[in-house]
């Protein structure tokens, strides 16, 4: 009797036939695929070339202006390009741009996230659909329309709010009000918050919709309430998406032009109070001064635009970095 032990050897994996190999090769080298690959690659390269051309143009014109600047471009509280030599700086513009954007983000992000959560987890479908549609329409409204609404409706109705802030928080100095038309950085921040609210809401809503249903059902099975489900499952999953949505809104707030120019009374000084008129932003200053500027004045405005260009690139880069850290918020792994 043969007592030799035998081992089971797995059968060899099936090899692709010659027909399958030919079919795969034809698919990889098909004319339509080659055309699509070329168009896609060319589009990416063209975008990089355009961005590089913009950066080179801004840098060249900015260098011409800064070389003639009698003041310090970063710290001068003045913008007078008609002097010989000209004297201008971006200190006031940088301060106004950052402050107004921070106010807008502080007001818009909590409201936008709340609206997105309401539409995805609380509102009935009959209500969430029309409300989401209206929010989508608000995102497409031109900025000049927001500016006209702000100048004609918002500004006249802010006297009560400014008076209340001065009465109860004026002792801080940040909310002291000396009277006059409420055309200040706080007004700009409120208007920008209204403008970026639809963008942040739409993106956050789509992110919350991508939350895996199993996560929510598991939390409900463990006895969690609806708010606990949102706190433990929805918000952690969509955190990076909400941050990215906020970055998109911040990008629009930083570069907003006509709306800010319509509601702000610009001056080249920094006010300690958010309620006093004054200040300015990069985009507002470019829009208001470009038409009547001389050649040196336009170069100076282009130099300030270069700073805004760099800030915008940094904001977009930060948003992309956040998205790359956690790709699962898109729902691909759900």
Protein backbone atom coordinates (compact mmCIF):
# COMPACT_ATOMS: atom_id res chain seq x y z
CA UNK A 1 0.00 0.00 0.00
CA UNK A 2 1.41 3.40 -1.05
CA UNK A 3 1.72 5.54 2.10
CA UNK A 4 3.29 8.51 0.30
CA UNK A 5 1.59 11.76 1.30
CA UNK A 6 0.20 13.85 -1.48
CA UNK A 7 -0.34 17.60 -1.37
CA UNK A 8 -3.05 19.47 -3.18
CA UNK A 9 -1.52 21.72 -5.78
CA UNK A 10 -3.78 24.62 -6.86
CA UNK A 11 -4.54 24.64 -10.54
CA UNK A 12 -2.66 27.22 -12.58
CA UNK A 13 -4.38 30.53 -13.13
CA UNK A 14 -6.04 30.78 -16.51
CA UNK A 15 -3.96 32.70 -18.99
CA UNK A 16 -5.58 35.32 -21.21
CA UNK A 17 -6.18 34.13 -24.69
CA UNK A 18 -4.69 35.75 -27.74
CA UNK A 19 -8.05 37.32 -28.62
CA UNK A 20 -8.32 38.97 -25.21
CA UNK A 21 -4.79 40.35 -25.51
CA UNK A 22 -5.52 41.79 -28.91
CA UNK A 23 -8.76 43.35 -27.63
CA UNK A 24 -6.95 44.97 -24.67
CA UNK A 25 -4.25 46.34 -26.93
CA UNK A 26 -6.82 47.77 -29.30
CA UNK A 27 -8.61 49.48 -26.36
CA UNK A 28 -5.39 51.07 -25.12
CA UNK A 29 -4.43 52.44 -28.50
CA UNK A 30 -7.86 53.29 -29.87
CA UNK A 31 -8.01 56.58 -31.76
CA UNK A 32 -10.74 58.01 -29.54
CA UNK A 33 -8.73 57.22 -26.40
CA UNK A 34 -5.64 58.86 -27.86
CA UNK A 35 -7.61 61.98 -28.74
CA UNK A 36 -9.17 62.17 -25.27
CA UNK A 37 -5.80 61.62 -23.59
CA UNK A 38 -4.26 64.37 -25.69
CA UNK A 39 -7.07 66.81 -24.99
CA UNK A 40 -6.98 66.11 -21.25
CA UNK A 41 -3.23 66.46 -21.05
CA UNK A 42 -3.27 69.57 -23.22
CA UNK A 43 -5.95 71.17 -21.06
CA UNK A 44 -3.92 70.58 -17.92
CA UNK A 45 -0.77 71.97 -19.49
CA UNK A 46 -2.67 74.96 -20.89
CA UNK A 47 -4.04 75.76 -17.44
CA UNK A 48 -0.56 75.69 -15.94
CA UNK A 49 0.74 77.91 -18.74
CA UNK A 50 -2.05 80.43 -18.20
CA UNK A 51 -1.41 80.53 -14.45
CA UNK A 52 2.30 80.95 -15.02
CA UNK A 53 1.68 83.74 -17.56
CA UNK A 54 -0.56 85.57 -15.10
CA UNK A 55 2.05 85.24 -12.36
CA UNK A 56 4.84 86.49 -14.64
CA UNK A 57 2.76 89.45 -15.84
CA UNK A 58 1.77 90.47 -12.31
CA UNK A 59 5.30 90.07 -10.99
CA UNK A 60 6.83 92.14 -13.82
CA UNK A 61 4.36 95.01 -13.51
CA UNK A 62 4.56 94.89 -9.71
CA UNK A 63 8.35 95.13 -9.81
CA UNK A 64 8.11 98.27 -11.95
CA UNK A 65 5.77 99.90 -9.43
CA UNK A 66 7.64 98.86 -6.29
CA UNK A 67 10.94 100.11 -7.72
CA UNK A 68 9.42 103.62 -7.94
CA UNK A 69 7.64 103.51 -4.58
CA UNK A 70 8.92 106.17 -2.17
CA UNK A 71 7.24 104.48 0.80
CA UNK A 72 7.30 100.95 2.12
CA UNK A 73 5.01 98.76 0.02
CA UNK A 74 4.06 96.59 3.00
CA UNK A 75 3.65 99.15 5.79
CA UNK A 76 2.76 102.55 4.25
CA UNK A 77 -0.67 103.93 5.24
CA UNK A 78 -1.09 105.87 2.02
CA UNK A 79 -2.05 105.38 -1.60
CA UNK A 80 -0.94 108.35 -3.68
CA UNK A 81 0.48 107.32 -7.02
CA UNK A 82 0.32 110.85 -8.47
CA UNK A 83 3.18 112.11 -6.33
CA UNK A 84 6.71 112.35 -7.73
CA UNK A 85 7.99 109.90 -6.63
CA UNK A 86 4.78 107.96 -5.82
CA UNK A 87 4.07 106.71 -2.32
CA UNK A 88 1.76 103.79 -1.67
CA UNK A 89 1.42 100.71 0.51
CA UNK A 90 -0.92 97.82 1.18
CA UNK A 91 -1.11 97.89 4.99
CA UNK A 92 -4.67 99.25 5.11
CA UNK A 93 -5.81 97.06 2.23
CA UNK A 94 -4.38 93.89 3.74
CA UNK A 95 -5.94 94.69 7.12
CA UNK A 96 -9.35 95.43 5.62
CA UNK A 97 -9.33 92.36 3.41
CA UNK A 98 -8.43 90.03 6.27
CA UNK A 99 -10.82 91.59 8.80
CA UNK A 100 -13.83 91.65 6.48
CA UNK A 101 -13.18 88.05 5.41
CA UNK A 102 -12.83 86.87 9.00
CA UNK A 103 -16.11 88.56 9.94
CA UNK A 104 -17.81 86.97 6.94
CA UNK A 105 -16.52 83.51 7.79
CA UNK A 106 -17.47 83.84 11.47
CA UNK A 107 -21.03 84.74 10.50
CA UNK A 108 -21.54 82.48 7.48
CA UNK A 109 -19.97 79.15 8.41
CA UNK A 110 -22.12 78.28 11.47
CA UNK A 111 -25.31 79.32 9.67
CA UNK A 112 -24.37 77.45 6.48
CA UNK A 113 -23.55 74.23 8.33
CA UNK A 114 -26.79 74.49 10.29
CA UNK A 115 -28.82 74.95 7.11
CA UNK A 116 -27.04 72.01 5.45
CA UNK A 117 -27.76 69.75 8.45
CA UNK A 118 -31.38 70.85 8.51
CA UNK A 119 -31.87 70.11 4.82
CA UNK A 120 -30.23 66.68 4.99
CA UNK A 121 -31.39 65.34 8.37
CA UNK A 122 -34.39 67.30 9.66
CA UNK A 123 -36.44 68.88 6.88
CA UNK A 124 -39.02 66.74 5.05
CA UNK A 125 -38.30 66.05 1.41
CA UNK A 126 -41.09 68.34 0.24
CA UNK A 127 -39.37 71.23 1.98
CA UNK A 128 -35.69 70.37 1.48
CA UNK A 129 -35.95 70.23 -2.31
CA UNK A 130 -37.39 73.73 -2.90
CA UNK A 131 -35.17 75.30 -0.22
CA UNK A 132 -32.05 73.73 -1.72
CA UNK A 133 -33.12 74.99 -5.15
CA UNK A 134 -33.49 78.55 -3.85
CA UNK A 135 -30.06 78.37 -2.22
CA UNK A 136 -28.58 77.21 -5.51
CA UNK A 137 -30.12 80.24 -7.20
CA UNK A 138 -28.68 82.58 -4.57
CA UNK A 139 -25.20 81.30 -5.38
CA UNK A 140 -25.64 82.50 -8.98
CA UNK A 141 -26.75 86.05 -8.16
CA UNK A 142 -24.20 88.61 -9.50
CA UNK A 143 -22.19 90.50 -6.93
CA UNK A 144 -23.39 93.90 -8.17
CA UNK A 145 -26.95 92.86 -7.28
CA UNK A 146 -25.81 92.06 -3.76
CA UNK A 147 -24.02 95.39 -3.66
CA UNK A 148 -27.12 97.35 -4.69
CA UNK A 149 -29.21 95.46 -2.15
CA UNK A 150 -26.61 96.19 0.51
CA UNK A 151 -26.47 99.90 -0.27
CA UNK A 152 -30.23 100.41 -0.55
CA UNK A 153 -31.59 97.93 2.02
CA UNK A 154 -28.88 96.65 4.35
CA UNK A 155 -27.05 99.88 5.18
CA UNK A 156 -30.16 101.91 6.19
CA UNK A 157 -31.33 99.12 8.49
CA UNK A 158 -28.07 98.66 10.38
CA UNK A 159 -28.43 101.78 12.54
CA UNK A 160 -30.32 99.84 15.18
CA UNK A 161 -27.73 97.06 15.32
CA UNK A 162 -24.84 99.51 15.47
CA UNK A 163 -26.57 101.46 18.24
CA UNK A 164 -27.17 98.29 20.25
CA UNK A 165 -23.56 97.18 19.85
CA UNK A 166 -22.32 100.61 20.91
CA UNK A 167 -24.62 100.66 23.96
CA UNK A 168 -23.68 97.24 25.29
CA UNK A 169 -20.25 96.48 23.80
CA UNK A 170 -18.89 99.95 23.06
CA UNK A 171 -16.64 99.74 26.12
CA UNK A 172 -14.47 97.22 24.25
CA UNK A 173 -13.50 99.83 21.67
CA UNK A 174 -14.09 97.34 18.86
CA UNK A 175 -17.83 98.09 18.77
CA UNK A 176 -17.82 101.79 19.62
CA UNK A 177 -19.82 103.94 17.20
CA UNK A 178 -19.51 107.67 16.62
CA UNK A 179 -22.67 107.90 14.53
CA UNK A 180 -23.01 108.43 10.81
CA UNK A 181 -23.84 106.06 8.00
CA UNK A 182 -22.99 102.43 8.87
CA UNK A 183 -20.60 101.93 5.96
CA UNK A 184 -17.86 100.16 7.87
CA UNK A 185 -15.92 96.93 7.87
CA UNK A 186 -18.68 95.23 9.87
CA UNK A 187 -21.17 96.13 7.14
CA UNK A 188 -18.82 94.67 4.54
CA UNK A 189 -18.41 91.52 6.61
CA UNK A 190 -22.18 91.05 6.95
CA UNK A 191 -22.70 91.51 3.21
CA UNK A 192 -19.87 89.10 2.37
CA UNK A 193 -21.34 86.56 4.78
CA UNK A 194 -24.65 86.71 2.92
CA UNK A 195 -22.84 86.29 -0.40
CA UNK A 196 -20.75 83.26 0.58
CA UNK A 197 -23.53 81.57 2.55
CA UNK A 198 -25.02 79.73 -0.49
CA UNK A 199 -21.62 78.37 -1.58
CA UNK A 200 -20.74 76.94 1.83
CA UNK A 201 -24.27 75.60 2.30
CA UNK A 202 -24.37 73.81 -1.07
CA UNK A 203 -21.01 72.10 -0.67
CA UNK A 204 -21.66 71.16 2.96
CA UNK A 205 -25.06 69.74 2.03
CA UNK A 206 -23.53 67.50 -0.61
CA UNK A 207 -20.85 66.36 1.84
CA UNK A 208 -23.41 65.43 4.49
CA UNK A 209 -25.37 63.47 1.90
CA UNK A 210 -22.31 61.28 1.32
CA UNK A 211 -22.22 60.02 4.89
CA UNK A 212 -22.53 56.20 4.79
CA UNK A 213 -26.00 55.14 5.79
CA UNK A 214 -24.55 52.27 7.82
CA UNK A 215 -22.84 54.72 10.19
CA UNK A 216 -26.09 56.47 10.99
CA UNK A 217 -28.06 53.25 11.31
CA UNK A 218 -25.45 51.78 13.63
CA UNK A 219 -25.65 54.83 15.89
CA UNK A 220 -29.44 54.66 15.91
CA UNK A 221 -29.31 50.96 16.74
CA UNK A 222 -27.18 51.76 19.78
CA UNK A 223 -29.86 54.14 21.03
CA UNK A 224 -28.41 57.46 19.87
CA UNK A 225 -30.70 60.41 19.35
CA UNK A 226 -30.79 62.30 16.07
CA UNK A 227 -28.42 64.98 17.38
CA UNK A 228 -26.04 62.32 18.72
CA UNK A 229 -26.04 60.67 15.30
CA UNK A 230 -25.09 64.00 13.74
CA UNK A 231 -22.45 64.70 16.37
CA UNK A 232 -20.84 61.25 16.31
CA UNK A 233 -21.31 60.17 12.68
CA UNK A 234 -22.15 63.05 10.36
CA UNK A 235 -19.92 65.88 11.56
CA UNK A 236 -16.70 63.82 11.96
CA UNK A 237 -17.20 62.32 8.51
CA UNK A 238 -17.88 65.67 6.83
CA UNK A 239 -15.39 67.81 8.76
CA UNK A 240 -12.83 68.05 5.97
CA UNK A 241 -15.57 68.74 3.42
CA UNK A 242 -16.97 71.58 5.51
CA UNK A 243 -13.50 73.06 5.87
CA UNK A 244 -12.99 72.85 2.12
CA UNK A 245 -16.37 74.51 1.54
CA UNK A 246 -15.35 77.27 3.93
CA UNK A 247 -12.13 77.75 1.98
CA UNK A 248 -14.13 78.20 -1.22
CA UNK A 249 -16.29 80.81 0.49
CA UNK A 250 -13.20 82.52 1.86
CA UNK A 251 -11.77 82.72 -1.64
CA UNK A 252 -14.83 84.60 -2.85
CA UNK A 253 -14.82 86.88 0.18
CA UNK A 254 -11.18 87.79 -0.39
CA UNK A 255 -11.72 88.72 -4.04
CA UNK A 256 -15.13 90.38 -3.88
CA UNK A 257 -15.09 93.75 -5.65
CA UNK A 258 -18.29 95.54 -6.61
CA UNK A 259 -20.35 94.64 -3.57
CA UNK A 260 -17.64 95.93 -1.22
CA UNK A 261 -17.13 99.09 -3.26
CA UNK A 262 -20.87 99.80 -3.11
CA UNK A 263 -21.32 99.63 0.67
CA UNK A 264 -17.94 100.80 2.01
CA UNK A 265 -16.73 104.36 2.61
CA UNK A 266 -13.02 103.77 1.97
CA UNK A 267 -10.23 105.69 3.69
CA UNK A 268 -6.57 104.88 4.03
CA UNK A 269 -6.48 104.46 7.77
CA UNK A 270 -7.11 101.58 10.15
CA UNK A 271 -10.02 102.07 12.52
CA UNK A 272 -9.91 100.37 15.89
CA UNK A 273 -13.70 100.08 15.81
CA UNK A 274 -15.46 97.85 13.33
CA UNK A 275 -18.41 100.26 13.28
CA UNK A 276 -16.59 103.40 12.16
CA UNK A 277 -16.38 104.13 8.41
CA UNK A 278 -12.98 103.60 6.85
CA UNK A 279 -10.58 101.01 5.61
CA UNK A 280 -10.50 99.22 2.29
CA UNK A 281 -9.78 95.94 0.55
CA UNK A 282 -7.56 94.93 -2.33
CA UNK A 283 -10.36 94.27 -4.79
CA UNK A 284 -12.34 97.37 -3.83
CA UNK A 285 -9.29 99.61 -4.20
CA UNK A 286 -8.46 98.20 -7.64
CA UNK A 287 -12.03 98.62 -8.87
CA UNK A 288 -12.39 102.20 -7.63
CA UNK A 289 -9.00 103.55 -8.75
CA UNK A 290 -8.12 101.66 -11.92
CA UNK A 291 -10.18 103.77 -14.31
CA UNK A 292 -8.53 107.09 -13.42
CA UNK A 293 -5.05 105.80 -12.62
CA UNK A 294 -1.94 106.74 -14.60
CA UNK A 295 0.52 104.16 -15.88
CA UNK A 296 2.43 104.15 -12.59
CA UNK A 297 -0.86 104.01 -10.71
CA UNK A 298 -1.99 100.97 -12.66
CA UNK A 299 1.30 99.25 -11.99
CA UNK A 300 0.79 99.94 -8.29
CA UNK A 301 -2.71 98.48 -8.43
CA UNK A 302 -1.33 95.44 -10.24
CA UNK A 303 1.22 95.07 -7.43
CA UNK A 304 -1.60 94.96 -4.89
CA UNK A 305 -3.38 92.48 -7.16
CA UNK A 306 -0.29 90.27 -7.04
CA UNK A 307 -0.58 90.12 -3.25
CA UNK A 308 -4.24 89.16 -3.54
CA UNK A 309 -3.31 86.56 -6.17
CA UNK A 310 -0.80 84.96 -3.80
CA UNK A 311 -3.29 84.96 -0.91
CA UNK A 312 -5.92 83.30 -3.11
CA UNK A 313 -3.46 80.62 -4.23
CA UNK A 314 -2.57 79.91 -0.61
CA UNK A 315 -6.24 79.57 0.31
CA UNK A 316 -6.91 77.19 -2.59
CA UNK A 317 -3.78 75.21 -1.80
CA UNK A 318 -4.89 74.81 1.79
CA UNK A 319 -8.29 73.56 0.61
CA UNK A 320 -6.66 70.98 -1.66
CA UNK A 321 -4.38 69.83 1.14
CA UNK A 322 -7.37 69.29 3.42
CA UNK A 323 -9.17 67.31 0.73
CA UNK A 324 -6.08 65.14 0.16
CA UNK A 325 -5.81 64.31 3.85
CA UNK A 326 -9.24 62.66 3.97
CA UNK A 327 -10.60 61.46 0.66
CA UNK A 328 -13.31 59.32 2.20
CA UNK A 329 -15.67 62.29 2.67
CA UNK A 330 -16.56 62.03 -1.01
CA UNK A 331 -18.39 58.77 -0.34
CA UNK A 332 -16.16 56.72 -2.62
CA UNK A 333 -15.35 54.29 0.18
CA UNK A 334 -18.86 54.12 1.60
